[in-house]
Amino acid sequence: MTEHQSWSAEHIPDQTGRIFVVTGANSGLGLATTRALARRGAQVVLAVRDERKGHRAVAELHAAQPDARLEVRPLDLADLDSVRAFARDLRADHGRLDVLVNNAGVMAPPRTLSAQGHELQFAAHHLGHFALTGLLLDLLAEGRDPRVVTVTSINHRRGRIHFDDLDGRHRYAPMAFYNQSKFANAVFGRQLHLRLSGAGSPVRSLLAHPGFSATNIVTDGPTALYQLLFGRLARPLAQSPDRGALPQLYAATEPGARSGEFIGPDGAGELRGNPTRVRLSPTAADPGTGRRLWELSEKLTEVTYDLPDTTVG
């Protein structure tokens, strides 16, 4: 879209006084997002699994911007007890939250189960973010121009929910289950938009994807062949984390961004480029799939949203 073609981090409005939570903020897209927000005056909570890496990221950011308002908090999205503890502690210290960026991810590991016994990628990408968003929704409702930005992938179009084998107990293919988790992110972001809108909530729900970006989640893959293909050979084709973060930054900060929008790169194949509205796969927008995943997610996380079931539109 022409109105997005020249959009860059320099177009982020002043964020002074606003509070952001960015999951997976110590590297890759999360670090790039945190850096850009801090430069515009935002207070950013780095929600990270490894606190040491989080503090190293803060030291790096403070070296370039000493006045950056940053705090590190532990969050393991693959452990629902950790998610609850993070939400509890954040609520104790902050009376509101303006933007939640559901960014953290892991890509195509060997089959691993989460603390609660779920396939790791589905647990970390979807269940953890589903629970976190639900537990922070009332804080977001108190925010200024509050938003939830859920980061999915272009690969959501290749995914589906394996409702009959959610955790890959019978058959596991790492990339297929990565695609499942990113599909779940897309379904969740869409459903959250519909339900928030149906409730008349001020909170907006947007989706974003980074295209093909040279982040460690891509280049430090699960096998030597994967690292060769995507690390050494494909890296020259990938855009930088700073460029890859632009869609989620647009979704998080652009005043004209509307709830329900999906933002991604405008280049060929949506692999790179400037932020623009992109197409959600029809299967991710399917009301029946959305309702089924939502109900399953509430059951598995034991986090219930006080929002109407608006699975139309």
C-alpha atoms as a PDB file:
ATOM      1  CA  MET A   1       0.000   0.000   0.000  1.00  0.00           C
ATOM      2  CA  THR A   2       1.377   3.369  -0.990  1.00  0.00           C
ATOM      3  CA  GLU A   3       0.865   4.981   2.385  1.00  0.00           C
ATOM      4  CA  HIS A   4       3.278   2.468   3.963  1.00  0.00           C
ATOM      5  CA  GLN A   5       5.999   2.437   1.331  1.00  0.00           C
ATOM      6  CA  SER A   6       8.408   4.800   3.049  1.00  0.00           C
ATOM      7  CA  TRP A   7       7.551   3.875   6.646  1.00  0.00           C
ATOM      8  CA  SER A   8      10.590   3.319   8.862  1.00  0.00           C
ATOM      9  CA  ALA A   9      11.464   3.405  12.539  1.00  0.00           C
ATOM     10  CA  GLU A  10      11.952   7.150  12.148  1.00  0.00           C
ATOM     11  CA  HIS A  11       8.186   7.434  11.664  1.00  0.00           C
ATOM     12  CA  ILE A  12       7.396   5.999  15.098  1.00  0.00           C
ATOM     13  CA  PRO A  13       5.617   8.750  17.055  1.00  0.00           C
ATOM     14  CA  ASP A  14       6.918   9.901  20.417  1.00  0.00           C
ATOM     15  CA  GLN A  15       6.244   7.067  22.883  1.00  0.00           C
ATOM     16  CA  THR A  16       7.157   8.937  26.065  1.00  0.00           C
ATOM     17  CA  GLY A  17       4.992   7.779  28.950  1.00  0.00           C
ATOM     18  CA  ARG A  18       3.936   4.530  27.292  1.00  0.00           C
ATOM     19  CA  ILE A  19       4.740   1.085  28.703  1.00  0.00           C
ATOM     20  CA  PHE A  20       5.496  -1.863  26.422  1.00  0.00           C
ATOM     21  CA  VAL A  21       6.111  -5.524  27.146  1.00  0.00           C
ATOM     22  CA  VAL A  22       8.142  -7.294  24.462  1.00  0.00           C
ATOM     23  CA  THR A  23       8.573 -11.045  24.794  1.00  0.00           C
ATOM     24  CA  GLY A  24      11.854 -12.491  23.573  1.00  0.00           C
ATOM     25  CA  ALA A  25      13.372  -9.021  23.747  1.00  0.00           C
ATOM     26  CA  ASN A  26      17.025  -9.982  24.228  1.00  0.00           C
ATOM     27  CA  SER A  27      17.810 -10.851  20.595  1.00  0.00           C
ATOM     28  CA  GLY A  28      16.650 -10.729  16.995  1.00  0.00           C
ATOM     29  CA  LEU A  29      13.343  -9.054  16.243  1.00  0.00           C
ATOM     30  CA  GLY A  30      12.606  -8.523  19.929  1.00  0.00           C
ATOM     31  CA  LEU A  31      15.850  -6.650  20.525  1.00  0.00           C
ATOM     32  CA  ALA A  32      15.352  -4.572  17.380  1.00  0.00           C
ATOM     33  CA  THR A  33      11.814  -3.746  18.503  1.00  0.00           C
ATOM     34  CA  THR A  34      12.990  -2.788  21.984  1.00  0.00           C
ATOM     35  CA  ARG A  35      15.760  -0.590  20.598  1.00  0.00           C
ATOM     36  CA  ALA A  36      13.414   1.301  18.280  1.00  0.00           C
ATOM     37  CA  LEU A  37      10.801   1.826  20.994  1.00  0.00           C
ATOM     38  CA  ALA A  38      13.356   3.016  23.549  1.00  0.00           C
ATOM     39  CA  ARG A  39      14.726   5.544  21.079  1.00  0.00           C
ATOM     40  CA  ARG A  40      11.261   7.073  20.880  1.00  0.00           C
ATOM     41  CA  GLY A  41      10.958   7.359  24.660  1.00  0.00           C
ATOM     42  CA  ALA A  42       9.014   4.214  25.537  1.00  0.00           C
ATOM     43  CA  GLN A  43       9.463   2.315  28.773  1.00  0.00           C
ATOM     44  CA  VAL A  44      10.092  -1.282  27.726  1.00  0.00           C
ATOM     45  CA  VAL A  45       9.853  -4.427  29.810  1.00  0.00           C
ATOM     46  CA  LEU A  46      12.115  -7.091  28.323  1.00  0.00           C
ATOM     47  CA  ALA A  47      10.323 -10.374  29.020  1.00  0.00           C
ATOM     48  CA  VAL A  48      13.043 -12.997  28.600  1.00  0.00           C
ATOM     49  CA  ARG A  49      13.643 -16.646  29.436  1.00  0.00           C
ATOM     50  CA  ASP A  50      17.318 -16.086  30.292  1.00  0.00           C
ATOM     51  CA  GLU A  51      17.766 -13.081  32.578  1.00  0.00           C
ATOM     52  CA  ARG A  52      21.528 -12.952  31.976  1.00  0.00           C
ATOM     53  CA  LYS A  53      20.958 -12.514  28.264  1.00  0.00           C
ATOM     54  CA  GLY A  54      18.326  -9.916  29.053  1.00  0.00           C
ATOM     55  CA  HIS A  55      20.736  -7.891  31.158  1.00  0.00           C
ATOM     56  CA  ARG A  56      23.408  -8.155  28.466  1.00  0.00           C
ATOM     57  CA  ALA A  57      20.903  -6.787  25.967  1.00  0.00           C
ATOM     58  CA  VAL A  58      20.079  -3.904  28.311  1.00  0.00           C
ATOM     59  CA  ALA A  59      23.785  -3.125  28.723  1.00  0.00           C
ATOM     60  CA  GLU A  60      24.139  -3.022  24.940  1.00  0.00           C
ATOM     61  CA  LEU A  61      21.134  -0.732  24.612  1.00  0.00           C
ATOM     62  CA  HIS A  62      22.265   1.555  27.434  1.00  0.00           C
ATOM     63  CA  ALA A  63      25.713   1.864  25.845  1.00  0.00           C
ATOM     64  CA  ALA A  64      24.055   3.475  22.844  1.00  0.00           C
ATOM     65  CA  GLN A  65      21.276   5.228  24.761  1.00  0.00           C
ATOM     66  CA  PRO A  66      22.071   5.805  28.444  1.00  0.00           C
ATOM     67  CA  ASP A  67      18.644   7.254  29.222  1.00  0.00           C
ATOM     68  CA  ALA A  68      16.695   4.290  27.815  1.00  0.00           C
ATOM     69  CA  ARG A  69      13.952   3.159  30.223  1.00  0.00           C
ATOM     70  CA  LEU A  70      14.336  -0.604  30.328  1.00  0.00           C
ATOM     71  CA  GLU A  71      13.652  -3.389  32.789  1.00  0.00           C
ATOM     72  CA  VAL A  72      14.283  -7.122  32.577  1.00  0.00           C
ATOM     73  CA  ARG A  73      11.774  -9.650  33.868  1.00  0.00           C
ATOM     74  CA  PRO A  74      11.957 -13.449  33.646  1.00  0.00           C
ATOM     75  CA  LEU A  75       9.376 -15.183  31.471  1.00  0.00           C
ATOM     76  CA  ASP A  76       9.446 -18.741  30.175  1.00  0.00           C
ATOM     77  CA  LEU A  77       6.506 -18.931  27.803  1.00  0.00           C
ATOM     78  CA  ALA A  78       6.767 -22.724  27.677  1.00  0.00           C
ATOM     79  CA  ASP A  79       5.950 -22.889  31.405  1.00  0.00           C
ATOM     80  CA  LEU A  80       2.501 -21.618  32.356  1.00  0.00           C
ATOM     81  CA  ASP A  81       3.591 -21.225  35.988  1.00  0.00           C
ATOM     82  CA  SER A  82       6.257 -18.773  34.790  1.00  0.00           C
ATOM     83  CA  VAL A  83       3.649 -16.934  32.722  1.00  0.00           C
ATOM     84  CA  ARG A  84       1.409 -16.542  35.752  1.00  0.00           C
ATOM     85  CA  ALA A  85       4.305 -15.354  37.916  1.00  0.00           C
ATOM     86  CA  PHE A  86       5.331 -12.788  35.305  1.00  0.00           C
ATOM     87  CA  ALA A  87       1.793 -11.432  35.037  1.00  0.00           C
ATOM     88  CA  ARG A  88       1.388 -11.332  38.826  1.00  0.00           C
ATOM     89  CA  ASP A  89       4.638  -9.438  39.355  1.00  0.00           C
ATOM     90  CA  LEU A  90       3.998  -7.019  36.499  1.00  0.00           C
ATOM     91  CA  ARG A  91       0.553  -6.237  37.872  1.00  0.00           C
ATOM     92  CA  ALA A  92       2.069  -5.567  41.291  1.00  0.00           C
ATOM     93  CA  ASP A  93       4.414  -2.935  39.863  1.00  0.00           C
ATOM     94  CA  HIS A  94       2.416  -1.385  37.023  1.00  0.00           C
ATOM     95  CA  GLY A  95      -1.131  -0.080  37.060  1.00  0.00           C
ATOM     96  CA  ARG A  96      -1.473  -0.210  33.307  1.00  0.00           C
ATOM     97  CA  LEU A  97       0.103  -1.559  30.135  1.00  0.00           C
ATOM     98  CA  ASP A  98      -0.075   0.169  26.775  1.00  0.00           C
ATOM     99  CA  VAL A  99       1.236  -2.433  24.331  1.00  0.00           C
ATOM    100  CA  LEU A 100       2.025  -6.141  24.519  1.00  0.00           C
ATOM    101  CA  VAL A 101       4.216  -7.482  21.706  1.00  0.00           C
ATOM    102  CA  ASN A 102       3.930 -11.272  21.569  1.00  0.00           C
ATOM    103  CA  ASN A 103       7.225 -11.828  19.775  1.00  0.00           C
ATOM    104  CA  ALA A 104       9.245 -14.631  21.387  1.00  0.00           C
ATOM    105  CA  GLY A 105       9.857 -17.791  19.440  1.00  0.00           C
ATOM    106  CA  VAL A 106      11.796 -20.972  18.852  1.00  0.00           C
ATOM    107  CA  MET A 107      12.126 -22.685  15.481  1.00  0.00           C
ATOM    108  CA  ALA A 108      11.975 -26.356  14.531  1.00  0.00           C
ATOM    109  CA  PRO A 109      13.691 -28.049  17.500  1.00  0.00           C
ATOM    110  CA  PRO A 110      13.727 -31.807  18.020  1.00  0.00           C
ATOM    111  CA  ARG A 111      10.510 -32.924  19.657  1.00  0.00           C
ATOM    112  CA  THR A 112      10.487 -31.441  23.147  1.00  0.00           C
ATOM    113  CA  LEU A 113       7.686 -31.095  25.681  1.00  0.00           C
ATOM    114  CA  SER A 114       6.942 -28.038  27.778  1.00  0.00           C
ATOM    115  CA  ALA A 115       6.663 -27.976  31.558  1.00  0.00           C
ATOM    116  CA  GLN A 116       2.976 -28.857  31.225  1.00  0.00           C
ATOM    117  CA  GLY A 117       3.622 -31.603  28.658  1.00  0.00           C
ATOM    118  CA  HIS A 118       2.775 -29.789  25.423  1.00  0.00           C
ATOM    119  CA  GLU A 119       4.849 -29.667  22.235  1.00  0.00           C
ATOM    120  CA  LEU A 120       7.396 -26.912  22.804  1.00  0.00           C
ATOM    121  CA  GLN A 121       6.676 -24.676  19.814  1.00  0.00           C
ATOM    122  CA  PHE A 122       2.903 -24.742  20.323  1.00  0.00           C
ATOM    123  CA  ALA A 123       3.416 -24.138  24.043  1.00  0.00           C
ATOM    124  CA  ALA A 124       5.843 -21.226  23.700  1.00  0.00           C
ATOM    125  CA  HIS A 125       4.392 -19.522  20.646  1.00  0.00           C
ATOM    126  CA  HIS A 126       0.689 -19.986  21.266  1.00  0.00           C
ATOM    127  CA  LEU A 127      -0.316 -21.274  24.692  1.00  0.00           C
ATOM    128  CA  GLY A 128       2.135 -19.054  26.573  1.00  0.00           C
ATOM    129  CA  HIS A 129       1.141 -15.935  24.659  1.00  0.00           C
ATOM    130  CA  PHE A 130      -2.561 -16.820  24.899  1.00  0.00           C
ATOM    131  CA  ALA A 131      -2.260 -17.095  28.677  1.00  0.00           C
ATOM    132  CA  LEU A 132      -0.083 -13.998  29.015  1.00  0.00           C
ATOM    133  CA  THR A 133      -2.465 -11.854  26.990  1.00  0.00           C
ATOM    134  CA  GLY A 134      -5.466 -13.020  28.973  1.00  0.00           C
ATOM    135  CA  LEU A 135      -3.763 -12.363  32.293  1.00  0.00           C
ATOM    136  CA  LEU A 136      -2.743  -8.833  31.245  1.00  0.00           C
ATOM    137  CA  LEU A 137      -5.892  -7.821  29.390  1.00  0.00           C
ATOM    138  CA  ASP A 138      -7.294  -5.703  32.212  1.00  0.00           C
ATOM    139  CA  LEU A 139      -3.973  -3.829  32.503  1.00  0.00           C
ATOM    140  CA  LEU A 140      -4.108  -3.188  28.765  1.00  0.00           C
ATOM    141  CA  ALA A 141      -7.646  -1.859  29.065  1.00  0.00           C
ATOM    142  CA  GLU A 142      -6.230   0.882  31.313  1.00  0.00           C
ATOM    143  CA  GLY A 143      -3.561   1.810  28.762  1.00  0.00           C
ATOM    144  CA  ARG A 144      -3.262   4.664  26.291  1.00  0.00           C
ATOM    145  CA  ASP A 145      -4.115   3.449  22.781  1.00  0.00           C
ATOM    146  CA  PRO A 146      -3.693  -0.131  24.028  1.00  0.00           C
ATOM    147  CA  ARG A 147      -2.711  -2.883  21.619  1.00  0.00           C
ATOM    148  CA  VAL A 148      -1.742  -6.530  21.454  1.00  0.00           C
ATOM    149  CA  VAL A 149       0.600  -7.322  18.574  1.00  0.00           C
ATOM    150  CA  THR A 150       1.030 -11.027  17.905  1.00  0.00           C
ATOM    151  CA  VAL A 151       3.942 -11.948  15.679  1.00  0.00           C
ATOM    152  CA  THR A 152       3.202 -14.817  13.330  1.00  0.00           C
ATOM    153  CA  SER A 153       5.006 -15.961  10.188  1.00  0.00           C
ATOM    154  CA  ILE A 154       4.477 -16.153   6.468  1.00  0.00           C
ATOM    155  CA  ASN A 155       4.549 -19.895   7.182  1.00  0.00           C
ATOM    156  CA  HIS A 156       1.162 -19.671   8.891  1.00  0.00           C
ATOM    157  CA  ARG A 157      -0.259 -20.194   5.393  1.00  0.00           C
ATOM    158  CA  ARG A 158       1.295 -23.675   5.389  1.00  0.00           C
ATOM    159  CA  GLY A 159       0.012 -24.574   8.834  1.00  0.00           C
ATOM    160  CA  ARG A 160      -2.997 -26.174  10.408  1.00  0.00           C
ATOM    161  CA  ILE A 161      -3.908 -27.337  13.899  1.00  0.00           C
ATOM    162  CA  HIS A 162      -3.327 -31.054  14.410  1.00  0.00           C
ATOM    163  CA  PHE A 163      -6.236 -31.356  16.821  1.00  0.00           C
ATOM    164  CA  ASP A 164      -5.909 -35.154  16.803  1.00  0.00           C
ATOM    165  CA  ASP A 165      -2.159 -35.057  17.557  1.00  0.00           C
ATOM    166  CA  LEU A 166      -1.498 -31.624  19.005  1.00  0.00           C
ATOM    167  CA  ASP A 167       1.814 -32.548  20.624  1.00  0.00           C
ATOM    168  CA  GLY A 168       3.242 -34.750  17.874  1.00  0.00           C
ATOM    169  CA  ARG A 169       3.097 -37.920  19.927  1.00  0.00           C
ATOM    170  CA  HIS A 170       2.271 -40.070  16.899  1.00  0.00           C
ATOM    171  CA  ARG A 171       4.203 -38.208  14.226  1.00  0.00           C
ATOM    172  CA  TYR A 172       6.484 -35.207  14.599  1.00  0.00           C
ATOM    173  CA  ALA A 173       8.058 -33.083  11.883  1.00  0.00           C
ATOM    174  CA  PRO A 174       9.770 -29.976  13.319  1.00  0.00           C
ATOM    175  CA  MET A 175       8.783 -27.529  10.572  1.00  0.00           C
ATOM    176  CA  ALA A 176       5.213 -28.829  10.351  1.00  0.00           C
ATOM    177  CA  PHE A 177       4.778 -28.154  14.055  1.00  0.00           C
ATOM    178  CA  TYR A 178       6.471 -24.770  13.727  1.00  0.00           C
ATOM    179  CA  ASN A 179       3.905 -23.976  11.038  1.00  0.00           C
ATOM    180  CA  GLN A 180       1.156 -25.209  13.357  1.00  0.00           C
ATOM    181  CA  SER A 181       2.287 -22.836  16.095  1.00  0.00           C
ATOM    182  CA  LYS A 182       2.481 -19.856  13.743  1.00  0.00           C
ATOM    183  CA  PHE A 183      -0.936 -20.744  12.331  1.00  0.00           C
ATOM    184  CA  ALA A 184      -2.225 -20.751  15.914  1.00  0.00           C
ATOM    185  CA  ASN A 185      -0.737 -17.268  16.424  1.00  0.00           C
ATOM    186  CA  ALA A 186      -2.616 -16.038  13.364  1.00  0.00           C
ATOM    187  CA  VAL A 187      -5.892 -17.615  14.459  1.00  0.00           C
ATOM    188  CA  PHE A 188      -5.479 -16.182  17.960  1.00  0.00           C
ATOM    189  CA  GLY A 189      -4.758 -12.641  16.768  1.00  0.00           C
ATOM    190  CA  ARG A 190      -7.813 -12.718  14.517  1.00  0.00           C
ATOM    191  CA  GLN A 191     -10.062 -14.190  17.198  1.00  0.00           C
ATOM    192  CA  LEU A 192      -8.819 -11.714  19.790  1.00  0.00           C
ATOM    193  CA  HIS A 193      -9.691  -8.842  17.455  1.00  0.00           C
ATOM    194  CA  LEU A 194     -13.222 -10.160  16.896  1.00  0.00           C
ATOM    195  CA  ARG A 195     -13.874 -10.783  20.565  1.00  0.00           C
ATOM    196  CA  LEU A 196     -12.412  -7.477  21.773  1.00  0.00           C
ATOM    197  CA  SER A 197     -14.428  -5.603  19.159  1.00  0.00           C
ATOM    198  CA  GLY A 198     -17.558  -7.505  20.148  1.00  0.00           C
ATOM    199  CA  ALA A 199     -17.032  -6.501  23.770  1.00  0.00           C
ATOM    200  CA  GLY A 200     -16.467  -2.838  22.905  1.00  0.00           C
ATOM    201  CA  SER A 201     -12.958  -3.009  24.361  1.00  0.00           C
ATOM    202  CA  PRO A 202     -10.486  -0.191  23.656  1.00  0.00           C
ATOM    203  CA  VAL A 203      -7.736  -2.779  23.137  1.00  0.00           C
ATOM    204  CA  ARG A 204      -6.732  -3.427  19.532  1.00  0.00           C
ATOM    205  CA  SER A 205      -5.407  -6.772  18.321  1.00  0.00           C
ATOM    206  CA  LEU A 206      -3.071  -6.782  15.334  1.00  0.00           C
ATOM    207  CA  LEU A 207      -0.925  -9.392  13.615  1.00  0.00           C
ATOM    208  CA  ALA A 208       2.506  -8.928  12.072  1.00  0.00           C
ATOM    209  CA  HIS A 209       5.099 -11.039  10.329  1.00  0.00           C
ATOM    210  CA  PRO A 210       8.740 -10.164   9.550  1.00  0.00           C
ATOM    211  CA  GLY A 211       9.153 -11.819   6.172  1.00  0.00           C
ATOM    212  CA  PHE A 212      12.543 -13.483   5.838  1.00  0.00           C
ATOM    213  CA  SER A 213      14.888 -11.881   8.340  1.00  0.00           C
ATOM    214  CA  ALA A 214      18.416 -12.761   9.430  1.00  0.00           C
ATOM    215  CA  THR A 215      17.683 -13.514  13.071  1.00  0.00           C
ATOM    216  CA  ASN A 216      19.156 -16.254  15.211  1.00  0.00           C
ATOM    217  CA  ILE A 217      15.861 -18.147  15.215  1.00  0.00           C
ATOM    218  CA  VAL A 218      16.327 -18.614  11.455  1.00  0.00           C
ATOM    219  CA  THR A 219      20.089 -18.904  11.035  1.00  0.00           C
ATOM    220  CA  ASP A 220      20.834 -21.053  14.112  1.00  0.00           C
ATOM    221  CA  GLY A 221      18.594 -23.876  12.947  1.00  0.00           C
ATOM    222  CA  PRO A 222      18.177 -27.409  14.289  1.00  0.00           C
ATOM    223  CA  THR A 223      20.575 -29.192  11.905  1.00  0.00           C
ATOM    224  CA  ALA A 224      23.845 -28.501  10.131  1.00  0.00           C
ATOM    225  CA  LEU A 225      22.079 -28.651   6.748  1.00  0.00           C
ATOM    226  CA  TYR A 226      19.457 -26.180   7.932  1.00  0.00           C
ATOM    227  CA  GLN A 227      22.150 -23.815   9.193  1.00  0.00           C
ATOM    228  CA  LEU A 228      23.960 -24.077   5.865  1.00  0.00           C
ATOM    229  CA  LEU A 229      20.846 -23.376   3.794  1.00  0.00           C
ATOM    230  CA  PHE A 230      19.377 -20.613   5.929  1.00  0.00           C
ATOM    231  CA  GLY A 231      22.478 -19.345   7.709  1.00  0.00           C
ATOM    232  CA  ARG A 232      25.216 -19.111   5.115  1.00  0.00           C
ATOM    233  CA  LEU A 233      23.503 -19.391   1.747  1.00  0.00           C
ATOM    234  CA  ALA A 234      20.245 -17.540   2.348  1.00  0.00           C
ATOM    235  CA  ARG A 235      21.500 -14.869   4.760  1.00  0.00           C
ATOM    236  CA  PRO A 236      22.435 -12.472   1.911  1.00  0.00           C
ATOM    237  CA  LEU A 237      18.808 -12.617   0.760  1.00  0.00           C
ATOM    238  CA  ALA A 238      17.393 -11.888   4.198  1.00  0.00           C
ATOM    239  CA  GLN A 239      16.690  -8.481   5.619  1.00  0.00           C
ATOM    240  CA  SER A 240      18.213  -7.316   8.883  1.00  0.00           C
ATOM    241  CA  PRO A 241      16.419  -7.716  12.219  1.00  0.00           C
ATOM    242  CA  ASP A 242      15.893  -3.941  12.249  1.00  0.00           C
ATOM    243  CA  ARG A 243      14.065  -4.186   8.914  1.00  0.00           C
ATOM    244  CA  GLY A 244      12.276  -7.364   9.906  1.00  0.00           C
ATOM    245  CA  ALA A 245      10.910  -5.674  13.035  1.00  0.00           C
ATOM    246  CA  LEU A 246       9.228  -2.870  11.084  1.00  0.00           C
ATOM    247  CA  PRO A 247       5.865  -4.640  10.619  1.00  0.00           C
ATOM    248  CA  GLN A 248       5.463  -5.255  14.347  1.00  0.00           C
ATOM    249  CA  LEU A 249       6.651  -1.737  15.146  1.00  0.00           C
ATOM    250  CA  TYR A 250       4.103  -0.343  12.706  1.00  0.00           C
ATOM    251  CA  ALA A 251       1.371  -2.460  14.286  1.00  0.00           C
ATOM    252  CA  ALA A 252       2.437  -1.378  17.780  1.00  0.00           C
ATOM    253  CA  THR A 253       2.812   2.359  17.220  1.00  0.00           C
ATOM    254  CA  GLU A 254       1.293   3.698  14.002  1.00  0.00           C
ATOM    255  CA  PRO A 255      -1.768   5.794  14.935  1.00  0.00           C
ATOM    256  CA  GLY A 256      -3.606   4.735  11.788  1.00  0.00           C
ATOM    257  CA  ALA A 257      -3.168   0.996  12.331  1.00  0.00           C
ATOM    258  CA  ARG A 258      -6.565  -0.599  12.898  1.00  0.00           C
ATOM    259  CA  SER A 259      -7.554  -3.558  15.009  1.00  0.00           C
ATOM    260  CA  GLY A 260      -7.689  -6.725  12.948  1.00  0.00           C
ATOM    261  CA  GLU A 261      -4.990  -5.657  10.497  1.00  0.00           C
ATOM    262  CA  PHE A 262      -2.170  -7.989   9.494  1.00  0.00           C
ATOM    263  CA  ILE A 263       1.086  -6.194   8.694  1.00  0.00           C
ATOM    264  CA  GLY A 264       3.989  -7.662   6.735  1.00  0.00           C
ATOM    265  CA  PRO A 265       6.621  -6.688   4.139  1.00  0.00           C
ATOM    266  CA  ASP A 266       5.404  -5.405   0.779  1.00  0.00           C
ATOM    267  CA  GLY A 267       8.098  -7.031  -1.381  1.00  0.00           C
ATOM    268  CA  ALA A 268       7.868 -10.095  -3.600  1.00  0.00           C
ATOM    269  CA  GLY A 269       6.524 -13.039  -1.666  1.00  0.00           C
ATOM    270  CA  GLU A 270       6.326 -10.824   1.446  1.00  0.00           C
ATOM    271  CA  LEU A 271       9.925 -11.812   2.155  1.00  0.00           C
ATOM    272  CA  ARG A 272      11.257  -8.282   2.607  1.00  0.00           C
ATOM    273  CA  GLY A 273      10.226  -4.679   2.156  1.00  0.00           C
ATOM    274  CA  ASN A 274       8.252  -1.927   3.831  1.00  0.00           C
ATOM    275  CA  PRO A 275       5.283  -2.519   6.163  1.00  0.00           C
ATOM    276  CA  THR A 276       1.923  -2.966   4.474  1.00  0.00           C
ATOM    277  CA  ARG A 277      -1.360  -4.745   5.076  1.00  0.00           C
ATOM    278  CA  VAL A 278      -1.122  -8.370   3.968  1.00  0.00           C
ATOM    279  CA  ARG A 279      -3.555 -11.244   3.585  1.00  0.00           C
ATOM    280  CA  LEU A 280      -4.449 -13.638   6.363  1.00  0.00           C
ATOM    281  CA  SER A 281      -4.957 -17.168   5.106  1.00  0.00           C
ATOM    282  CA  PRO A 282      -8.648 -18.100   4.768  1.00  0.00           C
ATOM    283  CA  THR A 283      -8.133 -21.116   7.025  1.00  0.00           C
ATOM    284  CA  ALA A 284      -6.733 -18.897   9.799  1.00  0.00           C
ATOM    285  CA  ALA A 285      -9.837 -16.706   9.517  1.00  0.00           C
ATOM    286  CA  ASP A 286     -12.226 -19.670   9.620  1.00  0.00           C
ATOM    287  CA  PRO A 287     -14.747 -19.128  12.468  1.00  0.00           C
ATOM    288  CA  GLY A 288     -15.024 -22.814  13.348  1.00  0.00           C
ATOM    289  CA  THR A 289     -11.270 -23.241  13.637  1.00  0.00           C
ATOM    290  CA  GLY A 290     -11.050 -20.070  15.679  1.00  0.00           C
ATOM    291  CA  ARG A 291     -13.730 -21.151  18.107  1.00  0.00           C
ATOM    292  CA  ARG A 292     -12.257 -24.631  18.511  1.00  0.00           C
ATOM    293  CA  LEU A 293      -8.721 -23.364  19.127  1.00  0.00           C
ATOM    294  CA  TRP A 294      -9.940 -20.710  21.573  1.00  0.00           C
ATOM    295  CA  GLU A 295     -11.899 -23.212  23.645  1.00  0.00           C
ATOM    296  CA  LEU A 296      -8.987 -25.653  23.629  1.00  0.00           C
ATOM    297  CA  SER A 297      -6.545 -22.914  24.638  1.00  0.00           C
ATOM    298  CA  GLU A 298      -8.684 -21.839  27.581  1.00  0.00           C
ATOM    299  CA  LYS A 299      -8.863 -25.463  28.699  1.00  0.00           C
ATOM    300  CA  LEU A 300      -5.133 -26.139  28.375  1.00  0.00           C
ATOM    301  CA  THR A 301      -4.003 -22.875  29.995  1.00  0.00           C
ATOM    302  CA  GLU A 302      -6.836 -22.535  32.525  1.00  0.00           C
ATOM    303  CA  VAL A 303      -6.978 -18.860  31.527  1.00  0.00           C
ATOM    304  CA  THR A 304     -10.489 -17.722  30.658  1.00  0.00           C
ATOM    305  CA  TYR A 305     -11.236 -14.496  28.802  1.00  0.00           C
ATOM    306  CA  ASP A 306     -14.348 -12.545  29.744  1.00  0.00           C
ATOM    307  CA  LEU A 307     -15.119 -11.819  26.087  1.00  0.00           C
ATOM    308  CA  PRO A 308     -18.077 -12.791  23.894  1.00  0.00           C
ATOM    309  CA  ASP A 309     -17.719 -15.499  21.264  1.00  0.00           C
ATOM    310  CA  THR A 310     -17.837 -13.412  18.092  1.00  0.00           C
ATOM    311  CA  THR A 311     -16.657 -15.892  15.501  1.00  0.00           C
ATOM    312  CA  VAL A 312     -18.060 -14.096  12.482  1.00  0.00           C
ATOM    313  CA  GLY A 313     -16.680 -11.480  10.140  1.00  0.00           C
END
